[in-house]
Amino acid sequence: MRLTQEDQDYQLHFRIENRLFQHEEVATFRWHDCTAQPHHYRHASAGFGLRREGEILFDWQDREAQGSKAIYPLVDDALDALSVAMMARCNMARGDAAFSYPVAEPDGMAHYQYRSLGEENLETPAGEWDATSVERDYPERSKRSRFWAARELDYFMVRMDHQENLFVRGRIEMTSFRYLATTP
């Protein structure tokens, strides 16, 4: 995961790759006072017999999402699936028990709901963390995602467990961490 800034805009790049699965997401957005306003989002996944990809351009002037599978009206405070991670950091820092967001997807608007599972000490290959855990609630009963975010990293994710269905599940976790030097 890499977060970079250019002027007032940010880009969050999230990539997972191993011999069985590949996943990449890139979001560009404006960030101000715990609020993200997305400009562009794309994702692509392949593995375990699944293939998904999509893209969204956010036209805030005309209040329209131009998704790769549909064009539809944008609602106030709409996010993309990756800028949600930036917003969730603020909810976790405040200790919110539950939170939700309207999320633009390539084929239309969705609603992501999360609930807090509390705090715990978590060990990853990148170290030991005081982590807050949240779970995303899905309409599909067999689908689950649980996230752990480290307080000392301003609530950035250090582990995720995802279950797509009863047979496909996986874990990603931070193996190393470093702040990138900024150039003057």
N, C-alpha and C. Protein backbone atom coordinates (compact mmCIF):
# COMPACT_ATOMS: atom_id res chain seq x y z
N MET A 1 0.86 -1.16 0.00
CA MET A 1 0.00 0.00 0.00
C MET A 1 0.91 1.23 0.00
N ARG A 2 0.60 2.17 -0.86
CA ARG A 2 1.41 3.38 -0.95
C ARG A 2 0.48 4.59 -1.09
N LEU A 3 0.71 5.57 -0.24
CA LEU A 3 -0.05 6.81 -0.27
C LEU A 3 0.91 7.92 -0.66
N THR A 4 0.58 8.64 -1.75
CA THR A 4 1.40 9.76 -2.19
C THR A 4 0.52 11.00 -2.32
N GLN A 5 1.16 12.16 -2.21
CA GLN A 5 0.44 13.43 -2.28
C GLN A 5 1.04 14.30 -3.36
N GLU A 6 0.16 14.97 -4.12
CA GLU A 6 0.58 15.99 -5.08
C GLU A 6 -0.37 17.16 -4.92
N ASP A 7 0.12 18.27 -4.42
CA ASP A 7 -0.68 19.43 -4.07
C ASP A 7 -1.74 19.00 -3.05
N GLN A 8 -3.03 19.22 -3.36
CA GLN A 8 -4.09 18.85 -2.44
C GLN A 8 -4.67 17.48 -2.72
N ASP A 9 -4.18 16.81 -3.76
CA ASP A 9 -4.70 15.51 -4.15
C ASP A 9 -3.78 14.39 -3.68
N TYR A 10 -4.39 13.25 -3.44
CA TYR A 10 -3.67 12.06 -2.99
C TYR A 10 -3.95 10.91 -3.93
N GLN A 11 -3.00 9.99 -3.96
CA GLN A 11 -3.21 8.73 -4.66
C GLN A 11 -2.90 7.61 -3.67
N LEU A 12 -3.85 6.69 -3.55
CA LEU A 12 -3.66 5.50 -2.73
C LEU A 12 -3.59 4.31 -3.66
N HIS A 13 -2.48 3.58 -3.59
CA HIS A 13 -2.23 2.44 -4.45
C HIS A 13 -2.11 1.21 -3.57
N PHE A 14 -2.94 0.22 -3.84
CA PHE A 14 -2.99 -1.00 -3.05
C PHE A 14 -2.79 -2.17 -4.00
N ARG A 15 -1.77 -3.01 -3.72
CA ARG A 15 -1.47 -4.13 -4.61
C ARG A 15 -1.14 -5.37 -3.81
N ILE A 16 -1.72 -6.48 -4.23
CA ILE A 16 -1.44 -7.79 -3.64
C ILE A 16 -1.07 -8.72 -4.79
N GLU A 17 -0.02 -9.49 -4.60
CA GLU A 17 0.35 -10.43 -5.66
C GLU A 17 1.04 -11.64 -5.04
N ASN A 18 0.57 -12.81 -5.41
CA ASN A 18 1.27 -14.05 -5.10
C ASN A 18 1.03 -15.02 -6.25
N ARG A 19 1.42 -16.24 -6.11
CA ARG A 19 1.31 -17.17 -7.25
C ARG A 19 -0.12 -17.57 -7.56
N LEU A 20 -1.06 -17.35 -6.64
CA LEU A 20 -2.44 -17.75 -6.85
C LEU A 20 -3.40 -16.59 -7.12
N PHE A 21 -3.00 -15.39 -6.75
CA PHE A 21 -3.95 -14.28 -6.78
C PHE A 21 -3.24 -12.97 -7.03
N GLN A 22 -3.88 -12.09 -7.80
CA GLN A 22 -3.37 -10.74 -8.04
C GLN A 22 -4.52 -9.76 -7.87
N HIS A 23 -4.24 -8.67 -7.20
CA HIS A 23 -5.27 -7.65 -6.99
C HIS A 23 -4.59 -6.29 -6.94
N GLU A 24 -5.19 -5.32 -7.62
CA GLU A 24 -4.65 -3.96 -7.60
C GLU A 24 -5.80 -2.97 -7.61
N GLU A 25 -5.67 -1.93 -6.78
CA GLU A 25 -6.61 -0.82 -6.74
C GLU A 25 -5.82 0.47 -6.70
N VAL A 26 -6.32 1.48 -7.40
CA VAL A 26 -5.71 2.81 -7.38
C VAL A 26 -6.84 3.83 -7.29
N ALA A 27 -6.73 4.72 -6.32
CA ALA A 27 -7.72 5.78 -6.14
C ALA A 27 -7.01 7.11 -6.06
N THR A 28 -7.55 8.12 -6.74
CA THR A 28 -7.08 9.49 -6.57
C THR A 28 -8.24 10.29 -5.97
N PHE A 29 -7.91 11.14 -5.02
CA PHE A 29 -8.95 11.86 -4.30
C PHE A 29 -8.36 13.11 -3.66
N ARG A 30 -9.25 14.03 -3.33
CA ARG A 30 -8.89 15.21 -2.54
C ARG A 30 -9.19 14.85 -1.09
N TRP A 31 -8.29 15.21 -0.17
CA TRP A 31 -8.44 14.89 1.24
C TRP A 31 -8.37 16.17 2.05
N HIS A 32 -9.40 16.38 2.89
CA HIS A 32 -9.40 17.55 3.76
C HIS A 32 -10.23 17.25 5.00
N ASP A 33 -9.60 17.38 6.16
CA ASP A 33 -10.30 17.28 7.43
C ASP A 33 -11.16 16.01 7.54
N CYS A 34 -10.52 14.85 7.30
CA CYS A 34 -11.19 13.54 7.39
C CYS A 34 -12.32 13.38 6.38
N THR A 35 -12.19 14.03 5.24
CA THR A 35 -13.18 13.87 4.18
C THR A 35 -12.45 13.64 2.86
N ALA A 36 -12.87 12.58 2.16
CA ALA A 36 -12.30 12.26 0.85
C ALA A 36 -13.32 12.60 -0.23
N GLN A 37 -12.85 13.23 -1.31
CA GLN A 37 -13.68 13.42 -2.49
C GLN A 37 -12.95 12.79 -3.66
N PRO A 38 -13.41 11.60 -4.09
CA PRO A 38 -12.70 10.87 -5.14
C PRO A 38 -12.78 11.53 -6.51
N HIS A 39 -11.71 11.33 -7.29
CA HIS A 39 -11.66 11.79 -8.67
C HIS A 39 -11.69 10.61 -9.64
N HIS A 40 -10.93 9.56 -9.30
CA HIS A 40 -10.79 8.41 -10.20
C HIS A 40 -10.49 7.16 -9.38
N TYR A 41 -11.01 6.03 -9.82
CA TYR A 41 -10.77 4.75 -9.15
C TYR A 41 -10.74 3.65 -10.20
N ARG A 42 -9.83 2.71 -10.01
CA ARG A 42 -9.81 1.51 -10.86
C ARG A 42 -9.36 0.32 -10.04
N HIS A 43 -9.82 -0.86 -10.43
CA HIS A 43 -9.41 -2.09 -9.75
C HIS A 43 -9.37 -3.23 -10.75
N ALA A 44 -8.55 -4.23 -10.43
CA ALA A 44 -8.46 -5.46 -11.23
C ALA A 44 -8.02 -6.58 -10.31
N SER A 45 -8.72 -7.72 -10.40
CA SER A 45 -8.39 -8.90 -9.60
C SER A 45 -8.45 -10.13 -10.48
N ALA A 46 -7.58 -11.09 -10.21
CA ALA A 46 -7.62 -12.37 -10.91
C ALA A 46 -7.05 -13.45 -10.01
N GLY A 47 -7.74 -14.57 -9.94
CA GLY A 47 -7.28 -15.70 -9.16
C GLY A 47 -8.44 -16.49 -8.58
N PHE A 48 -8.19 -17.73 -8.24
CA PHE A 48 -9.20 -18.62 -7.66
C PHE A 48 -10.43 -18.73 -8.56
N GLY A 49 -10.24 -18.65 -9.86
CA GLY A 49 -11.36 -18.75 -10.79
C GLY A 49 -12.19 -17.48 -10.89
N LEU A 50 -11.76 -16.41 -10.24
CA LEU A 50 -12.48 -15.14 -10.28
C LEU A 50 -11.69 -14.12 -11.09
N ARG A 51 -12.40 -13.28 -11.82
CA ARG A 51 -11.78 -12.17 -12.53
C ARG A 51 -12.73 -10.99 -12.43
N ARG A 52 -12.22 -9.88 -11.89
CA ARG A 52 -13.02 -8.67 -11.75
C ARG A 52 -12.17 -7.47 -12.14
N GLU A 53 -12.82 -6.50 -12.75
CA GLU A 53 -12.14 -5.24 -13.02
C GLU A 53 -13.18 -4.16 -13.26
N GLY A 54 -12.77 -2.94 -13.05
CA GLY A 54 -13.68 -1.83 -13.27
C GLY A 54 -12.99 -0.51 -13.03
N GLU A 55 -13.69 0.55 -13.40
CA GLU A 55 -13.13 1.89 -13.29
C GLU A 55 -14.27 2.88 -13.12
N ILE A 56 -13.97 3.99 -12.43
CA ILE A 56 -14.97 5.04 -12.24
C ILE A 56 -14.28 6.40 -12.35
N LEU A 57 -14.86 7.31 -13.12
CA LEU A 57 -14.48 8.71 -13.15
C LEU A 57 -15.58 9.47 -12.43
N PHE A 58 -15.19 10.35 -11.50
CA PHE A 58 -16.14 11.12 -10.70
C PHE A 58 -16.24 12.52 -11.28
N ASP A 59 -17.39 12.87 -11.80
CA ASP A 59 -17.64 14.21 -12.32
C ASP A 59 -18.51 14.94 -11.30
N TRP A 60 -17.85 15.65 -10.38
CA TRP A 60 -18.58 16.31 -9.30
C TRP A 60 -19.34 17.54 -9.79
N GLN A 61 -18.85 18.17 -10.85
CA GLN A 61 -19.55 19.34 -11.38
C GLN A 61 -20.94 18.95 -11.89
N ASP A 62 -21.01 17.86 -12.65
CA ASP A 62 -22.29 17.38 -13.18
C ASP A 62 -22.93 16.33 -12.27
N ARG A 63 -22.26 16.01 -11.14
CA ARG A 63 -22.75 15.04 -10.16
C ARG A 63 -23.07 13.71 -10.82
N GLU A 64 -22.06 13.20 -11.56
CA GLU A 64 -22.25 11.96 -12.31
C GLU A 64 -21.04 11.05 -12.14
N ALA A 65 -21.31 9.77 -11.91
CA ALA A 65 -20.26 8.75 -11.89
C ALA A 65 -20.24 8.07 -13.25
N GLN A 66 -19.07 8.06 -13.85
CA GLN A 66 -18.92 7.41 -15.14
C GLN A 66 -18.19 6.10 -14.92
N GLY A 67 -18.97 5.07 -14.59
CA GLY A 67 -18.41 3.76 -14.32
C GLY A 67 -18.20 2.97 -15.59
N SER A 68 -17.31 1.99 -15.54
CA SER A 68 -17.04 1.18 -16.73
C SER A 68 -18.22 0.30 -17.10
N LYS A 69 -19.20 0.15 -16.19
CA LYS A 69 -20.37 -0.69 -16.48
C LYS A 69 -21.68 0.10 -16.45
N ALA A 70 -21.65 1.36 -16.00
CA ALA A 70 -22.86 2.19 -15.96
C ALA A 70 -22.48 3.64 -15.69
N ILE A 71 -23.35 4.53 -16.11
CA ILE A 71 -23.25 5.95 -15.78
C ILE A 71 -24.47 6.27 -14.94
N TYR A 72 -24.25 6.93 -13.79
CA TYR A 72 -25.34 7.13 -12.85
C TYR A 72 -25.08 8.37 -12.00
N PRO A 73 -26.12 8.91 -11.33
CA PRO A 73 -25.95 10.11 -10.51
C PRO A 73 -25.11 9.82 -9.26
N LEU A 74 -24.29 10.79 -8.89
CA LEU A 74 -23.52 10.70 -7.64
C LEU A 74 -24.34 11.23 -6.48
N VAL A 75 -24.26 10.56 -5.36
CA VAL A 75 -24.90 11.06 -4.15
C VAL A 75 -23.87 11.86 -3.37
N ASP A 76 -24.35 12.72 -2.44
CA ASP A 76 -23.45 13.48 -1.59
C ASP A 76 -22.53 12.53 -0.84
N ASP A 77 -21.28 12.92 -0.69
CA ASP A 77 -20.29 12.16 0.08
C ASP A 77 -19.98 10.78 -0.48
N ALA A 78 -20.25 10.53 -1.76
CA ALA A 78 -19.93 9.24 -2.36
C ALA A 78 -18.41 9.03 -2.35
N LEU A 79 -18.02 7.82 -2.07
CA LEU A 79 -16.61 7.42 -2.06
C LEU A 79 -16.40 6.34 -3.09
N ASP A 80 -15.16 5.90 -3.24
CA ASP A 80 -14.87 4.70 -4.00
C ASP A 80 -14.42 3.63 -3.01
N ALA A 81 -14.24 2.42 -3.48
CA ALA A 81 -13.95 1.29 -2.59
C ALA A 81 -12.61 1.41 -1.88
N LEU A 82 -11.70 2.22 -2.36
CA LEU A 82 -10.40 2.37 -1.71
C LEU A 82 -10.33 3.61 -0.82
N SER A 83 -10.94 4.71 -1.23
CA SER A 83 -10.92 5.88 -0.36
C SER A 83 -11.73 5.63 0.91
N VAL A 84 -12.57 4.60 0.91
CA VAL A 84 -13.26 4.17 2.14
C VAL A 84 -12.24 3.90 3.24
N ALA A 85 -11.09 3.33 2.87
CA ALA A 85 -10.06 3.01 3.87
C ALA A 85 -9.53 4.28 4.55
N MET A 86 -9.44 5.37 3.81
CA MET A 86 -9.00 6.63 4.40
C MET A 86 -10.05 7.17 5.37
N MET A 87 -11.31 7.11 4.99
CA MET A 87 -12.39 7.58 5.84
C MET A 87 -12.53 6.71 7.09
N ALA A 88 -12.39 5.40 6.93
CA ALA A 88 -12.54 4.48 8.08
C ALA A 88 -11.50 4.79 9.15
N ARG A 89 -10.32 5.26 8.75
CA ARG A 89 -9.28 5.63 9.72
C ARG A 89 -9.83 6.65 10.72
N CYS A 90 -10.59 7.61 10.23
CA CYS A 90 -11.15 8.65 11.10
C CYS A 90 -12.20 8.06 12.03
N ASN A 91 -13.06 7.17 11.52
CA ASN A 91 -14.07 6.53 12.36
C ASN A 91 -13.42 5.69 13.45
N MET A 92 -12.35 4.96 13.11
CA MET A 92 -11.66 4.14 14.11
C MET A 92 -10.98 5.01 15.15
N ALA A 93 -10.38 6.12 14.73
CA ALA A 93 -9.71 7.02 15.67
C ALA A 93 -10.70 7.62 16.66
N ARG A 94 -11.93 7.85 16.22
CA ARG A 94 -12.96 8.39 17.11
C ARG A 94 -13.58 7.30 17.99
N GLY A 95 -13.30 6.03 17.68
CA GLY A 95 -13.87 4.94 18.45
C GLY A 95 -15.32 4.63 18.10
N ASP A 96 -15.75 4.96 16.88
CA ASP A 96 -17.13 4.70 16.47
C ASP A 96 -17.41 3.20 16.49
N ALA A 97 -18.55 2.81 17.03
CA ALA A 97 -18.94 1.40 17.13
C ALA A 97 -19.39 0.85 15.78
N ALA A 98 -19.95 1.71 14.93
CA ALA A 98 -20.41 1.31 13.59
C ALA A 98 -20.37 2.54 12.70
N PHE A 99 -20.16 2.30 11.40
CA PHE A 99 -20.15 3.40 10.44
C PHE A 99 -20.44 2.84 9.06
N SER A 100 -20.89 3.71 8.16
CA SER A 100 -21.24 3.28 6.81
C SER A 100 -20.99 4.41 5.82
N TYR A 101 -20.89 4.03 4.53
CA TYR A 101 -20.58 5.00 3.48
C TYR A 101 -21.33 4.65 2.20
N PRO A 102 -21.75 5.68 1.44
CA PRO A 102 -22.22 5.43 0.07
C PRO A 102 -20.98 5.26 -0.81
N VAL A 103 -20.94 4.20 -1.61
CA VAL A 103 -19.75 3.89 -2.40
C VAL A 103 -20.13 3.70 -3.86
N ALA A 104 -19.45 4.45 -4.72
CA ALA A 104 -19.63 4.31 -6.17
C ALA A 104 -18.83 3.09 -6.63
N GLU A 105 -19.50 2.23 -7.37
CA GLU A 105 -18.87 1.06 -7.96
C GLU A 105 -19.02 1.15 -9.47
N PRO A 106 -18.29 0.35 -10.24
CA PRO A 106 -18.37 0.47 -11.70
C PRO A 106 -19.78 0.32 -12.28
N ASP A 107 -20.68 -0.37 -11.55
CA ASP A 107 -22.02 -0.60 -12.07
C ASP A 107 -23.12 0.15 -11.32
N GLY A 108 -22.77 0.99 -10.33
CA GLY A 108 -23.79 1.75 -9.61
C GLY A 108 -23.39 1.99 -8.17
N MET A 109 -24.29 2.61 -7.43
CA MET A 109 -24.02 2.94 -6.03
C MET A 109 -24.27 1.73 -5.14
N ALA A 110 -23.46 1.63 -4.09
CA ALA A 110 -23.60 0.59 -3.07
C ALA A 110 -23.50 1.26 -1.70
N HIS A 111 -23.74 0.50 -0.67
CA HIS A 111 -23.64 1.02 0.68
C HIS A 111 -22.78 0.05 1.49
N TYR A 112 -21.64 0.52 2.00
CA TYR A 112 -20.74 -0.32 2.80
C TYR A 112 -20.99 -0.03 4.27
N GLN A 113 -21.19 -1.10 5.05
CA GLN A 113 -21.43 -0.97 6.48
C GLN A 113 -20.34 -1.71 7.26
N TYR A 114 -19.86 -1.08 8.33
CA TYR A 114 -18.80 -1.65 9.15
C TYR A 114 -19.21 -1.60 10.62
N ARG A 115 -18.68 -2.55 11.38
CA ARG A 115 -18.89 -2.52 12.83
C ARG A 115 -17.57 -2.83 13.52
N SER A 116 -17.37 -2.18 14.63
CA SER A 116 -16.13 -2.35 15.39
C SER A 116 -16.16 -3.66 16.16
N LEU A 117 -15.03 -4.34 16.18
CA LEU A 117 -14.88 -5.57 16.97
C LEU A 117 -13.95 -5.34 18.16
N GLY A 118 -13.53 -4.11 18.37
CA GLY A 118 -12.72 -3.78 19.53
C GLY A 118 -11.24 -3.68 19.21
N GLU A 119 -10.45 -3.60 20.27
CA GLU A 119 -9.01 -3.45 20.14
C GLU A 119 -8.30 -4.71 20.62
N GLU A 120 -7.13 -4.95 20.04
CA GLU A 120 -6.33 -6.11 20.44
C GLU A 120 -4.88 -5.87 20.05
N ASN A 121 -4.01 -6.62 20.66
CA ASN A 121 -2.61 -6.59 20.29
C ASN A 121 -2.44 -7.61 19.17
N LEU A 122 -1.82 -7.20 18.06
CA LEU A 122 -1.73 -8.03 16.87
C LEU A 122 -0.28 -8.13 16.43
N GLU A 123 0.15 -9.34 16.13
CA GLU A 123 1.51 -9.55 15.64
C GLU A 123 1.47 -9.87 14.15
N THR A 124 2.30 -9.15 13.38
CA THR A 124 2.45 -9.38 11.95
C THR A 124 3.95 -9.52 11.67
N PRO A 125 4.32 -9.95 10.47
CA PRO A 125 5.75 -9.99 10.13
C PRO A 125 6.43 -8.61 10.22
N ALA A 126 5.64 -7.52 10.14
CA ALA A 126 6.20 -6.17 10.23
C ALA A 126 6.29 -5.67 11.66
N GLY A 127 5.82 -6.45 12.61
CA GLY A 127 5.90 -6.04 14.01
C GLY A 127 4.63 -6.29 14.78
N GLU A 128 4.65 -5.83 16.01
CA GLU A 128 3.51 -5.98 16.91
C GLU A 128 2.79 -4.64 16.99
N TRP A 129 1.46 -4.68 16.92
CA TRP A 129 0.67 -3.46 16.82
C TRP A 129 -0.48 -3.45 17.82
N ASP A 130 -0.80 -2.27 18.35
CA ASP A 130 -2.07 -2.06 19.04
C ASP A 130 -3.06 -1.76 17.93
N ALA A 131 -3.98 -2.69 17.70
CA ALA A 131 -4.84 -2.61 16.52
C ALA A 131 -6.32 -2.54 16.89
N THR A 132 -7.04 -1.80 16.08
CA THR A 132 -8.49 -1.77 16.13
C THR A 132 -8.99 -2.67 15.01
N SER A 133 -10.00 -3.48 15.31
CA SER A 133 -10.53 -4.41 14.32
C SER A 133 -11.95 -4.02 13.95
N VAL A 134 -12.24 -4.05 12.65
CA VAL A 134 -13.59 -3.81 12.16
C VAL A 134 -13.95 -4.90 11.17
N GLU A 135 -15.25 -5.13 11.03
CA GLU A 135 -15.74 -6.12 10.07
C GLU A 135 -16.74 -5.46 9.15
N ARG A 136 -16.65 -5.77 7.86
CA ARG A 136 -17.63 -5.26 6.90
C ARG A 136 -18.80 -6.24 6.85
N ASP A 137 -20.00 -5.70 6.90
CA ASP A 137 -21.21 -6.50 6.79
C ASP A 137 -21.64 -6.56 5.33
N TYR A 138 -21.81 -7.78 4.80
CA TYR A 138 -22.22 -8.00 3.41
C TYR A 138 -23.64 -8.56 3.38
N PRO A 139 -24.38 -8.30 2.30
CA PRO A 139 -25.69 -8.94 2.16
C PRO A 139 -25.57 -10.47 2.02
N GLU A 140 -24.49 -10.93 1.37
CA GLU A 140 -24.26 -12.37 1.22
C GLU A 140 -23.74 -12.91 2.54
N ARG A 141 -24.42 -13.89 3.11
CA ARG A 141 -24.06 -14.38 4.45
C ARG A 141 -22.72 -15.10 4.49
N SER A 142 -22.27 -15.67 3.37
CA SER A 142 -21.00 -16.40 3.40
C SER A 142 -19.79 -15.50 3.15
N LYS A 143 -20.01 -14.24 2.80
CA LYS A 143 -18.92 -13.32 2.48
C LYS A 143 -18.57 -12.51 3.73
N ARG A 144 -17.24 -12.38 4.00
CA ARG A 144 -16.80 -11.64 5.18
C ARG A 144 -15.46 -10.95 4.90
N SER A 145 -15.29 -9.79 5.50
CA SER A 145 -13.99 -9.11 5.50
C SER A 145 -13.78 -8.54 6.89
N ARG A 146 -12.60 -8.81 7.43
CA ARG A 146 -12.22 -8.26 8.73
C ARG A 146 -10.89 -7.54 8.55
N PHE A 147 -10.79 -6.34 9.12
CA PHE A 147 -9.62 -5.50 8.97
C PHE A 147 -9.06 -5.15 10.34
N TRP A 148 -7.73 -5.09 10.43
CA TRP A 148 -7.05 -4.61 11.63
C TRP A 148 -6.23 -3.39 11.23
N ALA A 149 -6.36 -2.31 11.98
CA ALA A 149 -5.64 -1.08 11.69
C ALA A 149 -4.84 -0.68 12.92
N ALA A 150 -3.59 -0.30 12.70
CA ALA A 150 -2.68 0.03 13.81
C ALA A 150 -2.84 1.48 14.24
N ARG A 151 -3.06 1.66 15.53
CA ARG A 151 -3.20 3.01 16.10
C ARG A 151 -1.94 3.82 15.83
N GLU A 152 -0.75 3.22 16.03
CA GLU A 152 0.50 3.97 15.88
C GLU A 152 0.82 4.31 14.42
N LEU A 153 0.06 3.77 13.46
CA LEU A 153 0.20 4.13 12.04
C LEU A 153 -0.99 4.96 11.58
N ASP A 154 -1.59 5.69 12.52
CA ASP A 154 -2.78 6.50 12.21
C ASP A 154 -3.89 5.67 11.58
N TYR A 155 -4.04 4.45 12.08
CA TYR A 155 -5.12 3.53 11.70
C TYR A 155 -5.04 3.05 10.25
N PHE A 156 -3.82 2.89 9.73
CA PHE A 156 -3.68 2.21 8.45
C PHE A 156 -3.74 0.70 8.67
N MET A 157 -4.25 0.00 7.67
CA MET A 157 -4.46 -1.43 7.77
C MET A 157 -3.14 -2.20 7.86
N VAL A 158 -3.08 -3.16 8.80
CA VAL A 158 -1.91 -4.03 8.91
C VAL A 158 -2.27 -5.49 8.64
N ARG A 159 -3.58 -5.81 8.65
CA ARG A 159 -4.01 -7.18 8.30
C ARG A 159 -5.45 -7.12 7.78
N MET A 160 -5.73 -8.03 6.85
CA MET A 160 -7.10 -8.22 6.37
C MET A 160 -7.34 -9.70 6.15
N ASP A 161 -8.45 -10.19 6.66
CA ASP A 161 -8.92 -11.54 6.36
C ASP A 161 -10.17 -11.38 5.51
N HIS A 162 -10.22 -12.09 4.37
CA HIS A 162 -11.39 -12.00 3.49
C HIS A 162 -11.86 -13.40 3.13
N GLN A 163 -13.16 -13.59 3.21
CA GLN A 163 -13.78 -14.85 2.78
C GLN A 163 -14.78 -14.51 1.70
N GLU A 164 -14.50 -14.94 0.47
CA GLU A 164 -15.38 -14.66 -0.66
C GLU A 164 -16.61 -15.57 -0.62
N ASN A 165 -16.37 -16.82 -0.28
CA ASN A 165 -17.45 -17.81 -0.12
C ASN A 165 -16.91 -18.92 0.79
N LEU A 166 -17.62 -20.02 0.90
CA LEU A 166 -17.18 -21.08 1.81
C LEU A 166 -15.85 -21.73 1.41
N PHE A 167 -15.44 -21.56 0.14
CA PHE A 167 -14.24 -22.23 -0.35
C PHE A 167 -13.06 -21.30 -0.62
N VAL A 168 -13.33 -20.02 -0.87
CA VAL A 168 -12.27 -19.08 -1.22
C VAL A 168 -12.10 -18.07 -0.09
N ARG A 169 -10.91 -18.10 0.52
CA ARG A 169 -10.60 -17.17 1.60
C ARG A 169 -9.11 -16.89 1.59
N GLY A 170 -8.74 -15.76 2.19
CA GLY A 170 -7.32 -15.43 2.22
C GLY A 170 -7.03 -14.37 3.28
N ARG A 171 -5.74 -14.20 3.53
CA ARG A 171 -5.26 -13.21 4.49
C ARG A 171 -4.13 -12.44 3.84
N ILE A 172 -4.15 -11.13 4.04
CA ILE A 172 -3.00 -10.32 3.70
C ILE A 172 -2.58 -9.62 4.98
N GLU A 173 -1.28 -9.44 5.13
CA GLU A 173 -0.81 -8.71 6.29
C GLU A 173 0.48 -7.99 5.94
N MET A 174 0.73 -6.94 6.69
CA MET A 174 1.90 -6.13 6.47
C MET A 174 3.16 -6.93 6.81
N THR A 175 4.09 -6.95 5.87
CA THR A 175 5.36 -7.64 6.10
C THR A 175 6.50 -6.67 6.39
N SER A 176 6.36 -5.43 5.93
CA SER A 176 7.35 -4.41 6.24
C SER A 176 6.67 -3.06 6.17
N PHE A 177 7.32 -2.09 6.80
CA PHE A 177 6.76 -0.75 6.83
C PHE A 177 7.88 0.26 6.83
N ARG A 178 7.70 1.34 6.07
CA ARG A 178 8.63 2.45 6.13
C ARG A 178 7.94 3.68 5.60
N TYR A 179 8.29 4.82 6.18
CA TYR A 179 7.83 6.10 5.66
C TYR A 179 8.73 6.44 4.49
N LEU A 180 8.12 6.87 3.39
CA LEU A 180 8.91 7.30 2.25
C LEU A 180 9.39 8.72 2.51
N ALA A 181 10.63 8.98 2.18
CA ALA A 181 11.19 10.32 2.37
C ALA A 181 10.50 11.29 1.41
N THR A 182 10.23 12.47 1.89
CA THR A 182 9.65 13.49 1.01
C THR A 182 10.79 14.33 0.42
N THR A 183 10.61 14.72 -0.81
CA THR A 183 11.63 15.54 -1.47
C THR A 183 11.20 17.00 -1.38
N PRO A 184 12.13 17.87 -1.03
CA PRO A 184 11.78 19.30 -0.89
C PRO A 184 11.43 19.94 -2.21
